[in-house]
Amino acid sequence: GDGRTRYADSVKGRFTISRDKAKNTVYLQMNNLKPEDTA
C-alpha cells in the first residue's frame, strides 16, 4: 500500500519511492544525481 518507506543515507533527500496502483508500478524518482549514483 502506501506503507512505511526507507532510504539509504546516500540518497535521502534526493530519491523518492512511490507507487501507482493503477499501473501496478513502483517508481524511483532520482534528483540531483551524482556520478557515484552510476550503477
Full PDB file with SEQRES, HELIX, SHEET, SSBOND, CRYST1, ORIGX, SCALE, CONECT and MASTER records, all heavy atoms in Angstrom:
SEQRES   1 A   39  GLY ASP GLY ARG THR ARG TYR ALA ASP SER VAL LYS GLY          
SEQRES   2 A   39  ARG PHE THR ILE SER ARG ASP LYS ALA LYS ASN THR VAL          
SEQRES   3 A   39  TYR LEU GLN MET ASN ASN LEU LYS PRO GLU ASP THR ALA          
HELIX    1 AA1 LYS A   21  LYS A   23  5                                   3    
HELIX    2 AA2 PRO A   35  ASP A   37  5                                   3    
SHEET    1 AA1 2 PHE A  15  ASP A  20  0                                        
SHEET    2 AA1 2 THR A  25  MET A  30 -1                                        
CRYST1    1.000    1.000    1.000  90.00  90.00  90.00 P 1           1          
ORIGX1      1.000000  0.000000  0.000000        0.00000                         
ORIGX2      0.000000  1.000000  0.000000        0.00000                         
ORIGX3      0.000000  0.000000  1.000000        0.00000                         
SCALE1      1.000000  0.000000  0.000000        0.00000                         
SCALE2      0.000000  1.000000  0.000000        0.00000                         
SCALE3      0.000000  0.000000  1.000000        0.00000                         
ATOM      1  N   GLY A   1       0.841  -1.191   0.000  1.00  0.00           N  
ATOM      2  CA  GLY A   1       0.000   0.000   0.000  1.00  0.00           C  
ATOM      3  C   GLY A   1       0.875   1.239   0.000  1.00  0.00           C  
ATOM      4  O   GLY A   1       1.880   1.304  -0.682  1.00  0.00           O  
ATOM      5  N   ASP A   2       0.506   2.205   0.773  1.00  0.00           N  
ATOM      6  CA  ASP A   2       1.338   3.406   0.925  1.00  0.00           C  
ATOM      7  C   ASP A   2       2.006   3.381   2.290  1.00  0.00           C  
ATOM      8  O   ASP A   2       2.042   4.372   3.011  1.00  0.00           O  
ATOM      9  CB  ASP A   2       0.480   4.660   0.760  1.00  0.00           C  
ATOM     10  CG  ASP A   2      -0.004   4.806  -0.664  1.00  0.00           C  
ATOM     11  OD1 ASP A   2       0.773   4.493  -1.578  1.00  0.00           O  
ATOM     12  OD2 ASP A   2      -1.160   5.225  -0.856  1.00  0.00           O  
ATOM     13  N   GLY A   3       2.528   2.197   2.628  1.00  0.00           N  
ATOM     14  CA  GLY A   3       3.097   1.992   3.943  1.00  0.00           C  
ATOM     15  C   GLY A   3       4.491   2.564   4.106  1.00  0.00           C  
ATOM     16  O   GLY A   3       4.962   3.385   3.307  1.00  0.00           O  
ATOM     17  N   ARG A   4       5.149   2.075   5.105  1.00  0.00           N  
ATOM     18  CA  ARG A   4       6.453   2.611   5.509  1.00  0.00           C  
ATOM     19  C   ARG A   4       7.471   2.527   4.387  1.00  0.00           C  
ATOM     20  O   ARG A   4       7.517   1.550   3.647  1.00  0.00           O  
ATOM     21  CB  ARG A   4       6.945   1.846   6.730  1.00  0.00           C  
ATOM     22  CG  ARG A   4       8.229   2.388   7.336  1.00  0.00           C  
ATOM     23  CD  ARG A   4       8.569   1.660   8.612  1.00  0.00           C  
ATOM     24  NE  ARG A   4       7.565   1.890   9.652  1.00  0.00           N  
ATOM     25  CZ  ARG A   4       7.617   2.893  10.497  1.00  0.00           C  
ATOM     26  NH1 ARG A   4       8.600   3.771  10.439  1.00  0.00           N  
ATOM     27  NH2 ARG A   4       6.690   3.022  11.419  1.00  0.00           N  
ATOM     28  N   THR A   5       8.282   3.570   4.306  1.00  0.00           N  
ATOM     29  CA  THR A   5       9.369   3.598   3.345  1.00  0.00           C  
ATOM     30  C   THR A   5      10.691   3.770   4.073  1.00  0.00           C  
ATOM     31  O   THR A   5      10.733   4.185   5.242  1.00  0.00           O  
ATOM     32  CB  THR A   5       9.202   4.750   2.342  1.00  0.00           C  
ATOM     33  OG1 THR A   5       9.177   5.998   3.057  1.00  0.00           O  
ATOM     34  CG2 THR A   5       7.925   4.615   1.538  1.00  0.00           C  
ATOM     35  N   ARG A   6      11.776   3.478   3.390  1.00  0.00           N  
ATOM     36  CA  ARG A   6      13.097   3.744   3.938  1.00  0.00           C  
ATOM     37  C   ARG A   6      14.049   4.034   2.786  1.00  0.00           C  
ATOM     38  O   ARG A   6      13.805   3.609   1.653  1.00  0.00           O  
ATOM     39  CB  ARG A   6      13.619   2.589   4.798  1.00  0.00           C  
ATOM     40  CG  ARG A   6      13.975   1.325   4.043  1.00  0.00           C  
ATOM     41  CD  ARG A   6      14.422   0.219   4.975  1.00  0.00           C  
ATOM     42  NE  ARG A   6      14.712  -1.015   4.257  1.00  0.00           N  
ATOM     43  CZ  ARG A   6      14.490  -2.216   4.758  1.00  0.00           C  
ATOM     44  NH1 ARG A   6      13.987  -2.353   5.973  1.00  0.00           N  
ATOM     45  NH2 ARG A   6      14.794  -3.299   4.058  1.00  0.00           N  
ATOM     46  N   TYR A   7      15.123   4.735   3.120  1.00  0.00           N  
ATOM     47  CA  TYR A   7      16.104   5.141   2.123  1.00  0.00           C  
ATOM     48  C   TYR A   7      17.504   4.955   2.672  1.00  0.00           C  
ATOM     49  O   TYR A   7      17.748   5.136   3.878  1.00  0.00           O  
ATOM     50  CB  TYR A   7      15.923   6.628   1.756  1.00  0.00           C  
ATOM     51  CG  TYR A   7      14.604   6.954   1.110  1.00  0.00           C  
ATOM     52  CD1 TYR A   7      13.501   7.328   1.875  1.00  0.00           C  
ATOM     53  CD2 TYR A   7      14.442   6.861  -0.269  1.00  0.00           C  
ATOM     54  CE1 TYR A   7      12.279   7.614   1.283  1.00  0.00           C  
ATOM     55  CE2 TYR A   7      13.227   7.157  -0.875  1.00  0.00           C  
ATOM     56  CZ  TYR A   7      12.151   7.526  -0.075  1.00  0.00           C  
ATOM     57  OH  TYR A   7      10.940   7.805  -0.681  1.00  0.00           O  
ATOM     58  N   ALA A   8      18.417   4.628   1.795  1.00  0.00           N  
ATOM     59  CA  ALA A   8      19.827   4.637   2.159  1.00  0.00           C  
ATOM     60  C   ALA A   8      20.248   6.078   2.463  1.00  0.00           C  
ATOM     61  O   ALA A   8      19.736   7.026   1.840  1.00  0.00           O  
ATOM     62  CB  ALA A   8      20.669   4.071   1.025  1.00  0.00           C  
ATOM     63  N   ASP A   9      21.161   6.235   3.395  1.00  0.00           N  
ATOM     64  CA  ASP A   9      21.613   7.586   3.766  1.00  0.00           C  
ATOM     65  C   ASP A   9      22.157   8.342   2.559  1.00  0.00           C  
ATOM     66  O   ASP A   9      22.002   9.560   2.464  1.00  0.00           O  
ATOM     67  CB  ASP A   9      22.689   7.504   4.849  1.00  0.00           C  
ATOM     68  CG  ASP A   9      22.127   7.103   6.202  1.00  0.00           C  
ATOM     69  OD1 ASP A   9      20.899   7.200   6.388  1.00  0.00           O  
ATOM     70  OD2 ASP A   9      22.918   6.678   7.057  1.00  0.00           O  
ATOM     71  N   SER A  10      22.758   7.621   1.636  1.00  0.00           N  
ATOM     72  CA  SER A  10      23.408   8.263   0.491  1.00  0.00           C  
ATOM     73  C   SER A  10      22.411   8.881  -0.487  1.00  0.00           C  
ATOM     74  O   SER A  10      22.806   9.693  -1.332  1.00  0.00           O  
ATOM     75  CB  SER A  10      24.270   7.241  -0.260  1.00  0.00           C  
ATOM     76  OG  SER A  10      23.484   6.139  -0.677  1.00  0.00           O  
ATOM     77  N   VAL A  11      21.127   8.525  -0.380  1.00  0.00           N  
ATOM     78  CA  VAL A  11      20.144   9.055  -1.329  1.00  0.00           C  
ATOM     79  C   VAL A  11      19.025   9.842  -0.649  1.00  0.00           C  
ATOM     80  O   VAL A  11      18.166  10.402  -1.335  1.00  0.00           O  
ATOM     81  CB  VAL A  11      19.516   7.924  -2.185  1.00  0.00           C  
ATOM     82  CG1 VAL A  11      20.604   7.103  -2.862  1.00  0.00           C  
ATOM     83  CG2 VAL A  11      18.593   7.034  -1.364  1.00  0.00           C  
ATOM     84  N   LYS A  12      19.029   9.908   0.673  1.00  0.00           N  
ATOM     85  CA  LYS A  12      17.978  10.638   1.387  1.00  0.00           C  
ATOM     86  C   LYS A  12      17.939  12.088   0.932  1.00  0.00           C  
ATOM     87  O   LYS A  12      18.973  12.738   0.802  1.00  0.00           O  
ATOM     88  CB  LYS A  12      18.215  10.576   2.889  1.00  0.00           C  
ATOM     89  CG  LYS A  12      17.776   9.285   3.531  1.00  0.00           C  
ATOM     90  CD  LYS A  12      18.027   9.301   5.033  1.00  0.00           C  
ATOM     91  CE  LYS A  12      17.631   7.975   5.649  1.00  0.00           C  
ATOM     92  NZ  LYS A  12      17.957   7.917   7.098  1.00  0.00           N  
ATOM     93  N   GLY A  13      16.729  12.565   0.675  1.00  0.00           N  
ATOM     94  CA  GLY A  13      16.558  13.945   0.225  1.00  0.00           C  
ATOM     95  C   GLY A  13      16.706  14.115  -1.279  1.00  0.00           C  
ATOM     96  O   GLY A  13      16.380  15.184  -1.809  1.00  0.00           O  
ATOM     97  N   ARG A  14      17.180  13.084  -1.967  1.00  0.00           N  
ATOM     98  CA  ARG A  14      17.345  13.163  -3.423  1.00  0.00           C  
ATOM     99  C   ARG A  14      16.449  12.185  -4.154  1.00  0.00           C  
ATOM    100  O   ARG A  14      15.983  12.480  -5.263  1.00  0.00           O  
ATOM    101  CB  ARG A  14      18.808  12.887  -3.803  1.00  0.00           C  
ATOM    102  CG  ARG A  14      19.796  13.855  -3.202  1.00  0.00           C  
ATOM    103  CD  ARG A  14      21.193  13.657  -3.797  1.00  0.00           C  
ATOM    104  NE  ARG A  14      21.739  12.333  -3.519  1.00  0.00           N  
ATOM    105  CZ  ARG A  14      22.141  11.475  -4.460  1.00  0.00           C  
ATOM    106  NH1 ARG A  14      22.075  11.804  -5.739  1.00  0.00           N  
ATOM    107  NH2 ARG A  14      22.642  10.297  -4.122  1.00  0.00           N  
ATOM    108  N   PHE A  15      16.209  11.009  -3.578  1.00  0.00           N  
ATOM    109  CA  PHE A  15      15.409   9.962  -4.219  1.00  0.00           C  
ATOM    110  C   PHE A  15      14.070   9.834  -3.494  1.00  0.00           C  
ATOM    111  O   PHE A  15      13.991  10.000  -2.273  1.00  0.00           O  
ATOM    112  CB  PHE A  15      16.128   8.617  -4.159  1.00  0.00           C  
ATOM    113  CG  PHE A  15      17.356   8.493  -5.023  1.00  0.00           C  
ATOM    114  CD1 PHE A  15      17.934   9.584  -5.635  1.00  0.00           C  
ATOM    115  CD2 PHE A  15      17.934   7.253  -5.222  1.00  0.00           C  
ATOM    116  CE1 PHE A  15      19.067   9.462  -6.418  1.00  0.00           C  
ATOM    117  CE2 PHE A  15      19.060   7.094  -6.011  1.00  0.00           C  
ATOM    118  CZ  PHE A  15      19.633   8.202  -6.597  1.00  0.00           C  
ATOM    119  N   THR A  16      13.031   9.503  -4.265  1.00  0.00           N  
ATOM    120  CA  THR A  16      11.708   9.278  -3.696  1.00  0.00           C  
ATOM    121  C   THR A  16      11.102   8.034  -4.326  1.00  0.00           C  
ATOM    122  O   THR A  16      11.059   7.907  -5.552  1.00  0.00           O  
ATOM    123  CB  THR A  16      10.784  10.477  -3.957  1.00  0.00           C  
ATOM    124  OG1 THR A  16      11.372  11.668  -3.415  1.00  0.00           O  
ATOM    125  CG2 THR A  16       9.421  10.251  -3.293  1.00  0.00           C  
ATOM    126  N   ILE A  17      10.615   7.137  -3.473  1.00  0.00           N  
ATOM    127  CA  ILE A  17       9.945   5.922  -3.948  1.00  0.00           C  
ATOM    128  C   ILE A  17       8.441   6.127  -3.828  1.00  0.00           C  
ATOM    129  O   ILE A  17       7.958   6.735  -2.865  1.00  0.00           O  
ATOM    130  CB  ILE A  17      10.426   4.688  -3.150  1.00  0.00           C  
ATOM    131  CG1 ILE A  17       9.976   3.392  -3.812  1.00  0.00           C  
ATOM    132  CG2 ILE A  17       9.961   4.752  -1.692  1.00  0.00           C  
ATOM    133  CD1 ILE A  17      10.641   2.142  -3.214  1.00  0.00           C  
ATOM    134  N   SER A  18       7.698   5.618  -4.812  1.00  0.00           N  
ATOM    135  CA  SER A  18       6.241   5.795  -4.793  1.00  0.00           C  
ATOM    136  C   SER A  18       5.592   4.694  -5.616  1.00  0.00           C  
ATOM    137  O   SER A  18       6.258   3.979  -6.366  1.00  0.00           O  
ATOM    138  CB  SER A  18       5.857   7.165  -5.349  1.00  0.00           C  
ATOM    139  OG  SER A  18       6.226   7.277  -6.716  1.00  0.00           O  
ATOM    140  N   ARG A  19       4.272   4.581  -5.450  1.00  0.00           N  
ATOM    141  CA  ARG A  19       3.509   3.565  -6.192  1.00  0.00           C  
ATOM    142  C   ARG A  19       2.442   4.225  -7.071  1.00  0.00           C  
ATOM    143  O   ARG A  19       1.887   5.253  -6.701  1.00  0.00           O  
ATOM    144  CB  ARG A  19       2.770   2.639  -5.213  1.00  0.00           C  
ATOM    145  CG  ARG A  19       3.633   1.761  -4.365  1.00  0.00           C  
ATOM    146  CD  ARG A  19       2.741   0.859  -3.518  1.00  0.00           C  
ATOM    147  NE  ARG A  19       3.487  -0.008  -2.620  1.00  0.00           N  
ATOM    148  CZ  ARG A  19       3.937  -1.205  -2.950  1.00  0.00           C  
ATOM    149  NH1 ARG A  19       3.725  -1.671  -4.163  1.00  0.00           N  
ATOM    150  NH2 ARG A  19       4.598  -1.942  -2.065  1.00  0.00           N  
ATOM    151  N   ASP A  20       2.176   3.577  -8.191  1.00  0.00           N  
ATOM    152  CA  ASP A  20       0.978   3.862  -8.986  1.00  0.00           C  
ATOM    153  C   ASP A  20       0.215   2.552  -9.054  1.00  0.00           C  
ATOM    154  O   ASP A  20       0.549   1.654  -9.829  1.00  0.00           O  
ATOM    155  CB  ASP A  20       1.348   4.365 -10.383  1.00  0.00           C  
ATOM    156  CG  ASP A  20       0.125   4.776 -11.186  1.00  0.00           C  
ATOM    157  OD1 ASP A  20      -0.967   4.190 -11.000  1.00  0.00           O  
ATOM    158  OD2 ASP A  20       0.245   5.688 -12.017  1.00  0.00           O  
ATOM    159  N   LYS A  21      -0.810   2.447  -8.222  1.00  0.00           N  
ATOM    160  CA  LYS A  21      -1.536   1.180  -8.118  1.00  0.00           C  
ATOM    161  C   LYS A  21      -2.215   0.814  -9.438  1.00  0.00           C  
ATOM    162  O   LYS A  21      -2.254  -0.350  -9.825  1.00  0.00           O  
ATOM    163  CB  LYS A  21      -2.559   1.267  -6.996  1.00  0.00           C  
ATOM    164  CG  LYS A  21      -1.944   1.521  -5.633  1.00  0.00           C  
ATOM    165  CD  LYS A  21      -3.002   1.760  -4.571  1.00  0.00           C  
ATOM    166  CE  LYS A  21      -2.380   2.170  -3.246  1.00  0.00           C  
ATOM    167  NZ  LYS A  21      -3.385   2.428  -2.208  1.00  0.00           N  
ATOM    168  N   ALA A  22      -2.742   1.794 -10.124  1.00  0.00           N  
ATOM    169  CA  ALA A  22      -3.455   1.526 -11.374  1.00  0.00           C  
ATOM    170  C   ALA A  22      -2.529   0.940 -12.435  1.00  0.00           C  
ATOM    171  O   ALA A  22      -2.956   0.158 -13.281  1.00  0.00           O  
ATOM    172  CB  ALA A  22      -4.106   2.808 -11.889  1.00  0.00           C  
ATOM    173  N   LYS A  23      -1.260   1.323 -12.373  1.00  0.00           N  
ATOM    174  CA  LYS A  23      -0.294   0.834 -13.348  1.00  0.00           C  
ATOM    175  C   LYS A  23       0.532  -0.334 -12.815  1.00  0.00           C  
ATOM    176  O   LYS A  23       1.418  -0.820 -13.515  1.00  0.00           O  
ATOM    177  CB  LYS A  23       0.623   1.979 -13.779  1.00  0.00           C  
ATOM    178  CG  LYS A  23      -0.107   3.084 -14.532  1.00  0.00           C  
ATOM    179  CD  LYS A  23       0.842   4.160 -15.013  1.00  0.00           C  
ATOM    180  CE  LYS A  23       0.088   5.224 -15.810  1.00  0.00           C  
ATOM    181  NZ  LYS A  23       0.982   6.296 -16.294  1.00  0.00           N  
ATOM    182  N   ASN A  24       0.251  -0.737 -11.561  1.00  0.00           N  
ATOM    183  CA  ASN A  24       0.981  -1.860 -10.959  1.00  0.00           C  
ATOM    184  C   ASN A  24       2.492  -1.607 -11.004  1.00  0.00           C  
ATOM    185  O   ASN A  24       3.287  -2.505 -11.308  1.00  0.00           O  
ATOM    186  CB  ASN A  24       0.635  -3.181 -11.667  1.00  0.00           C  
ATOM    187  CG  ASN A  24       0.771  -4.385 -10.758  1.00  0.00           C  
ATOM    188  OD1 ASN A  24       0.759  -4.265  -9.536  1.00  0.00           O  
ATOM    189  ND2 ASN A  24       0.896  -5.555 -11.357  1.00  0.00           N  
ATOM    190  N   THR A  25       2.852  -0.383 -10.709  1.00  0.00           N  
ATOM    191  CA  THR A  25       4.223   0.081 -10.898  1.00  0.00           C  
ATOM    192  C   THR A  25       4.720   0.823  -9.658  1.00  0.00           C  
ATOM    193  O   THR A  25       3.952   1.557  -9.012  1.00  0.00           O  
ATOM    194  CB  THR A  25       4.299   1.007 -12.134  1.00  0.00           C  
ATOM    195  OG1 THR A  25       3.972   0.240 -13.298  1.00  0.00           O  
ATOM    196  CG2 THR A  25       5.692   1.593 -12.312  1.00  0.00           C  
ATOM    197  N   VAL A  26       5.981   0.622  -9.350  1.00  0.00           N  
ATOM    198  CA  VAL A  26       6.671   1.383  -8.308  1.00  0.00           C  
ATOM    199  C   VAL A  26       7.740   2.228  -8.997  1.00  0.00           C  
ATOM    200  O   VAL A  26       8.466   1.728  -9.859  1.00  0.00           O  
ATOM    201  CB  VAL A  26       7.301   0.458  -7.262  1.00  0.00           C  
ATOM    202  CG1 VAL A  26       8.184   1.249  -6.290  1.00  0.00           C  
ATOM    203  CG2 VAL A  26       6.205  -0.277  -6.488  1.00  0.00           C  
ATOM    204  N   TYR A  27       7.816   3.483  -8.599  1.00  0.00           N  
ATOM    205  CA  TYR A  27       8.769   4.400  -9.197  1.00  0.00           C  
ATOM    206  C   TYR A  27       9.885   4.741  -8.225  1.00  0.00           C  
ATOM    207  O   TYR A  27       9.702   4.720  -7.004  1.00  0.00           O  
ATOM    208  CB  TYR A  27       8.064   5.703  -9.605  1.00  0.00           C  
ATOM    209  CG  TYR A  27       6.980   5.520 -10.629  1.00  0.00           C  
ATOM    210  CD1 TYR A  27       5.637   5.592 -10.259  1.00  0.00           C  
ATOM    211  CD2 TYR A  27       7.282   5.263 -11.955  1.00  0.00           C  
ATOM    212  CE1 TYR A  27       4.628   5.424 -11.193  1.00  0.00           C  
ATOM    213  CE2 TYR A  27       6.279   5.089 -12.899  1.00  0.00           C  
ATOM    214  CZ  TYR A  27       4.958   5.170 -12.504  1.00  0.00           C  
ATOM    215  OH  TYR A  27       3.967   4.996 -13.436  1.00  0.00           O  
ATOM    216  N   LEU A  28      11.018   5.096  -8.790  1.00  0.00           N  
ATOM    217  CA  LEU A  28      12.107   5.687  -8.022  1.00  0.00           C  
ATOM    218  C   LEU A  28      12.489   6.979  -8.736  1.00  0.00           C  
ATOM    219  O   LEU A  28      13.107   6.941  -9.797  1.00  0.00           O  
ATOM    220  CB  LEU A  28      13.310   4.754  -7.925  1.00  0.00           C  
ATOM    221  CG  LEU A  28      14.439   5.258  -7.028  1.00  0.00           C  
ATOM    222  CD1 LEU A  28      13.989   5.236  -5.560  1.00  0.00           C  
ATOM    223  CD2 LEU A  28      15.700   4.417  -7.202  1.00  0.00           C  
ATOM    224  N   GLN A  29      12.048   8.094  -8.166  1.00  0.00           N  
ATOM    225  CA  GLN A  29      12.402   9.400  -8.702  1.00  0.00           C  
ATOM    226  C   GLN A  29      13.766   9.785  -8.148  1.00  0.00           C  
ATOM    227  O   GLN A  29      13.936   9.845  -6.926  1.00  0.00           O  
ATOM    228  CB  GLN A  29      11.358  10.444  -8.313  1.00  0.00           C  
ATOM    229  CG  GLN A  29      11.684  11.855  -8.784  1.00  0.00           C  
ATOM    230  CD  GLN A  29      11.641  11.999 -10.283  1.00  0.00           C  
ATOM    231  OE1 GLN A  29      10.735  11.498 -10.939  1.00  0.00           O  
ATOM    232  NE2 GLN A  29      12.627  12.693 -10.849  1.00  0.00           N  
ATOM    233  N   MET A  30      14.701  10.044  -9.041  1.00  0.00           N  
ATOM    234  CA  MET A  30      16.070  10.343  -8.634  1.00  0.00           C  
ATOM    235  C   MET A  30      16.426  11.752  -9.098  1.00  0.00           C  
ATOM    236  O   MET A  30      16.452  12.019 -10.304  1.00  0.00           O  
ATOM    237  CB  MET A  30      17.031   9.321  -9.249  1.00  0.00           C  
ATOM    238  CG  MET A  30      16.654   7.879  -8.940  1.00  0.00           C  
ATOM    239  SD  MET A  30      17.884   6.684  -9.508  1.00  0.00           S  
ATOM    240  CE  MET A  30      17.831   6.940 -11.277  1.00  0.00           C  
ATOM    241  N   ASN A  31      16.670  12.624  -8.146  1.00  0.00           N  
ATOM    242  CA  ASN A  31      17.021  14.007  -8.445  1.00  0.00           C  
ATOM    243  C   ASN A  31      18.439  14.301  -7.988  1.00  0.00           C  
ATOM    244  O   ASN A  31      19.006  13.580  -7.165  1.00  0.00           O  
ATOM    245  CB  ASN A  31      16.049  14.961  -7.742  1.00  0.00           C  
ATOM    246  CG  ASN A  31      14.625  14.792  -8.208  1.00  0.00           C  
ATOM    247  OD1 ASN A  31      14.365  14.448  -9.365  1.00  0.00           O  
ATOM    248  ND2 ASN A  31      13.674  15.041  -7.312  1.00  0.00           N  
ATOM    249  N   ASN A  32      18.992  15.374  -8.516  1.00  0.00           N  
ATOM    250  CA  ASN A  32      20.351  15.809  -8.151  1.00  0.00           C  
ATOM    251  C   ASN A  32      21.329  14.630  -8.217  1.00  0.00           C  
ATOM    252  O   ASN A  32      22.075  14.365  -7.262  1.00  0.00           O  
ATOM    253  CB  ASN A  32      20.344  16.432  -6.757  1.00  0.00           C  
ATOM    254  CG  ASN A  32      21.663  17.105  -6.420  1.00  0.00           C  
ATOM    255  OD1 ASN A  32      22.420  17.488  -7.311  1.00  0.00           O  
ATOM    256  ND2 ASN A  32      21.932  17.243  -5.129  1.00  0.00           N  
ATOM    257  N   LEU A  33      21.311  13.949  -9.334  1.00  0.00           N  
ATOM    258  CA  LEU A  33      22.139  12.752  -9.481  1.00  0.00           C  
ATOM    259  C   LEU A  33      23.616  13.093  -9.467  1.00  0.00           C  
ATOM    260  O   LEU A  33      24.035  14.163  -9.940  1.00  0.00           O  
ATOM    261  CB  LEU A  33      21.763  12.019 -10.767  1.00  0.00           C  
ATOM    262  CG  LEU A  33      20.468  11.206 -10.658  1.00  0.00           C  
ATOM    263  CD1 LEU A  33      19.896  10.905 -12.030  1.00  0.00           C  
ATOM    264  CD2 LEU A  33      20.709   9.928  -9.880  1.00  0.00           C  
ATOM    265  N   LYS A  34      24.385  12.166  -8.918  1.00  0.00           N  
ATOM    266  CA  LYS A  34      25.830  12.330  -8.782  1.00  0.00           C  
ATOM    267  C   LYS A  34      26.537  11.193  -9.517  1.00  0.00           C  
ATOM    268  O   LYS A  34      25.952  10.123  -9.699  1.00  0.00           O  
ATOM    269  CB  LYS A  34      26.211  12.293  -7.305  1.00  0.00           C  
ATOM    270  CG  LYS A  34      25.485  13.320  -6.451  1.00  0.00           C  
ATOM    271  CD  LYS A  34      25.827  13.156  -4.988  1.00  0.00           C  
ATOM    272  CE  LYS A  34      25.089  14.178  -4.119  1.00  0.00           C  
ATOM    273  NZ  LYS A  34      25.416  14.024  -2.687  1.00  0.00           N  
ATOM    274  N   PRO A  35      27.775  11.381  -9.898  1.00  0.00           N  
ATOM    275  CA  PRO A  35      28.499  10.290 -10.580  1.00  0.00           C  
ATOM    276  C   PRO A  35      28.519   9.003  -9.757  1.00  0.00           C  
ATOM    277  O   PRO A  35      28.475   7.911 -10.335  1.00  0.00           O  
ATOM    278  CB  PRO A  35      29.899  10.877 -10.756  1.00  0.00           C  
ATOM    279  CG  PRO A  35      29.668  12.345 -10.861  1.00  0.00           C  
ATOM    280  CD  PRO A  35      28.553  12.636  -9.904  1.00  0.00           C  
ATOM    281  N   GLU A  36      28.536   9.124  -8.444  1.00  0.00           N  
ATOM    282  CA  GLU A  36      28.562   7.917  -7.608  1.00  0.00           C  
ATOM    283  C   GLU A  36      27.227   7.180  -7.596  1.00  0.00           C  
ATOM    284  O   GLU A  36      27.128   6.090  -7.018  1.00  0.00           O  
ATOM    285  CB  GLU A  36      28.985   8.262  -6.178  1.00  0.00           C  
ATOM    286  CG  GLU A  36      28.216   9.384  -5.539  1.00  0.00           C  
ATOM    287  CD  GLU A  36      28.920  10.725  -5.664  1.00  0.00           C  
ATOM    288  OE1 GLU A  36      29.481  11.019  -6.749  1.00  0.00           O  
ATOM    289  OE2 GLU A  36      28.904  11.490  -4.669  1.00  0.00           O  
ATOM    290  N   ASP A  37      26.196   7.735  -8.207  1.00  0.00           N  
ATOM    291  CA  ASP A  37      24.924   7.025  -8.357  1.00  0.00           C  
ATOM    292  C   ASP A  37      24.953   6.070  -9.557  1.00  0.00           C  
ATOM    293  O   ASP A  37      23.999   5.297  -9.761  1.00  0.00           O  
ATOM    294  CB  ASP A  37      23.772   8.011  -8.543  1.00  0.00           C  
ATOM    295  CG  ASP A  37      23.526   8.873  -7.311  1.00  0.00           C  
ATOM    296  OD1 ASP A  37      23.581   8.331  -6.195  1.00  0.00           O  
ATOM    297  OD2 ASP A  37      23.287  10.092  -7.481  1.00  0.00           O  
ATOM    298  N   THR A  38      26.010   6.119 -10.337  1.00  0.00           N  
ATOM    299  CA  THR A  38      26.131   5.244 -11.505  1.00  0.00           C  
ATOM    300  C   THR A  38      26.148   3.783 -11.072  1.00  0.00           C  
ATOM    301  O   THR A  38      26.951   3.382 -10.219  1.00  0.00           O  
ATOM    302  CB  THR A  38      27.411   5.576 -12.281  1.00  0.00           C  
ATOM    303  OG1 THR A  38      27.300   6.893 -12.813  1.00  0.00           O  
ATOM    304  CG2 THR A  38      27.620   4.580 -13.417  1.00  0.00           C  
ATOM    305  N   ALA A  39      25.236   2.996 -11.639  1.00  0.00           N  
ATOM    306  CA  ALA A  39      25.093   1.588 -11.260  1.00  0.00           C  
ATOM    307  C   ALA A  39      23.996   0.960 -12.106  1.00  0.00           C  
ATOM    308  O   ALA A  39      23.256   1.662 -12.813  1.00  0.00           O  
ATOM    309  CB  ALA A  39      24.733   1.460  -9.783  1.00  0.00           C  
TER     310      ALA A  39                                                      
MASTER        0    0    0    2    2    0    0    6  309    1    0    3          
END                                                                             
